[in-house]
Amino acid sequence: MNQHLIASSALASLLALGLVGPAAAQDSGKEKCYGIAKAGQNDCANLSGTHSCAGQATAGDVGEWKYVAKGTCKAAGGLSAAEAKAKLAEKK
C-alpha cells in the first residue's frame, strides 16, 4: 500500500477525532428533562423503549424528554431520569 495514502488516512483520522471533542462539549450546558416533551417534540428515544427517534413522543408521556438548559428542568415542571423511571415503575 502507498505510504502517502496511509499517512494521509492517519492524519484525517486524527483531525476527525479532534472535532468530536468540541461537539460533545457544546452539550455540556444542557440536560435531559423528562415529562415536558409535547407530542412530536421529544429529542430522542423514550425510557420505555417503544421508539428510538426524535419527534415520536405522545402527549403526556413521562418517559419522553427534551434537552433544556441546565438548572431549568424543575422550573419547567420536568423530572430527572431517576424520577421519570420511578414514575414509570409506579404505573406498572
Protein backbone atom coordinates (compact mmCIF):
# COMPACT_ATOMS: atom_id res chain seq x y z
CA MET A 1 0.00 0.00 0.00
CA ASN A 2 1.17 3.51 -0.70
CA GLN A 3 2.88 5.15 2.32
CA HIS A 4 1.45 8.54 1.38
CA LEU A 5 -2.09 7.12 1.46
CA ILE A 6 -1.52 5.58 4.88
CA ALA A 7 -0.10 8.82 6.28
CA SER A 8 -2.99 10.85 4.82
CA SER A 9 -5.57 8.46 6.29
CA ALA A 10 -3.94 8.60 9.71
CA LEU A 11 -3.86 12.40 9.64
CA ALA A 12 -7.51 12.58 8.56
CA SER A 13 -8.48 10.26 11.43
CA LEU A 14 -6.67 12.41 13.98
CA LEU A 15 -8.31 15.56 12.66
CA ALA A 16 -11.75 13.94 12.80
CA LEU A 17 -11.20 12.87 16.41
CA GLY A 18 -10.23 16.43 17.29
CA LEU A 19 -13.57 17.67 16.00
CA VAL A 20 -15.60 15.22 18.12
CA GLY A 21 -14.42 16.64 21.46
CA PRO A 22 -15.66 20.20 20.94
CA ALA A 23 -19.01 18.99 19.62
CA ALA A 24 -19.60 16.95 22.76
CA ALA A 25 -18.54 19.87 24.95
CA GLN A 26 -21.23 22.10 23.41
CA ASP A 27 -23.96 19.97 25.01
CA SER A 28 -22.44 20.32 28.48
CA GLY A 29 -24.73 23.27 29.22
CA LYS A 30 -27.83 21.14 28.64
CA GLU A 31 -29.60 18.33 30.46
CA LYS A 32 -32.34 15.85 29.65
CA CYS A 33 -35.66 16.91 31.11
CA TYR A 34 -38.32 14.21 31.26
CA GLY A 35 -42.06 14.65 31.11
CA ILE A 36 -42.17 18.03 29.38
CA ALA A 37 -42.00 17.00 25.72
CA LYS A 38 -45.23 17.69 23.88
CA ALA A 39 -46.50 15.26 21.27
CA GLY A 40 -43.97 15.03 18.46
CA GLN A 41 -41.43 17.30 20.17
CA ASN A 42 -39.13 14.87 22.00
CA ASP A 43 -35.39 14.89 21.33
CA CYS A 44 -34.71 11.14 21.14
CA ALA A 45 -35.69 7.69 22.45
CA ASN A 46 -38.04 7.36 25.40
CA LEU A 47 -37.40 5.45 28.63
CA SER A 48 -39.91 2.69 27.92
CA GLY A 49 -38.17 1.78 24.66
CA THR A 50 -41.26 1.99 22.46
CA HIS A 51 -39.37 4.20 19.97
CA SER A 52 -35.84 5.39 19.39
CA CYS A 53 -36.32 8.53 17.32
CA ALA A 54 -36.91 12.22 17.85
CA GLY A 55 -40.38 13.54 17.15
CA GLN A 56 -42.27 10.39 18.12
CA ALA A 57 -43.49 11.47 21.55
CA THR A 58 -47.08 11.01 22.59
CA ALA A 59 -48.77 13.63 24.73
CA GLY A 60 -48.34 13.26 28.47
CA ASP A 61 -45.67 10.51 28.45
CA VAL A 62 -43.34 10.93 31.43
CA GLY A 63 -40.65 8.87 29.65
CA GLU A 64 -40.23 11.41 26.84
CA TRP A 65 -37.54 14.06 27.17
CA LYS A 66 -36.13 17.24 25.70
CA TYR A 67 -32.79 18.96 26.15
CA VAL A 68 -33.08 22.10 28.26
CA ALA A 69 -30.53 24.48 29.74
CA LYS A 70 -29.00 23.06 32.92
CA GLY A 71 -30.92 24.05 36.02
CA THR A 72 -34.18 24.87 34.23
CA CYS A 73 -35.85 21.45 34.18
CA LYS A 74 -37.56 21.67 37.58
CA ALA A 75 -38.90 25.14 36.81
CA ALA A 76 -40.44 23.77 33.61
CA GLY A 77 -42.19 21.05 35.61
CA GLY A 78 -39.86 18.30 34.40
CA LEU A 79 -38.21 15.32 36.05
CA SER A 80 -34.73 13.84 36.20
CA ALA A 81 -34.11 10.42 34.62
CA ALA A 82 -34.32 8.72 38.03
CA GLU A 83 -37.61 10.44 38.89
CA ALA A 84 -39.10 9.58 35.49
CA LYS A 85 -38.04 5.92 35.85
CA ALA A 86 -39.68 5.78 39.29
CA LYS A 87 -42.94 7.19 37.92
CA LEU A 88 -42.91 4.69 35.07
CA ALA A 89 -42.34 1.88 37.57
CA GLU A 90 -45.36 3.06 39.61
CA LYS A 91 -47.59 2.76 36.54
CA LYS A 92 -46.71 -0.92 36.02
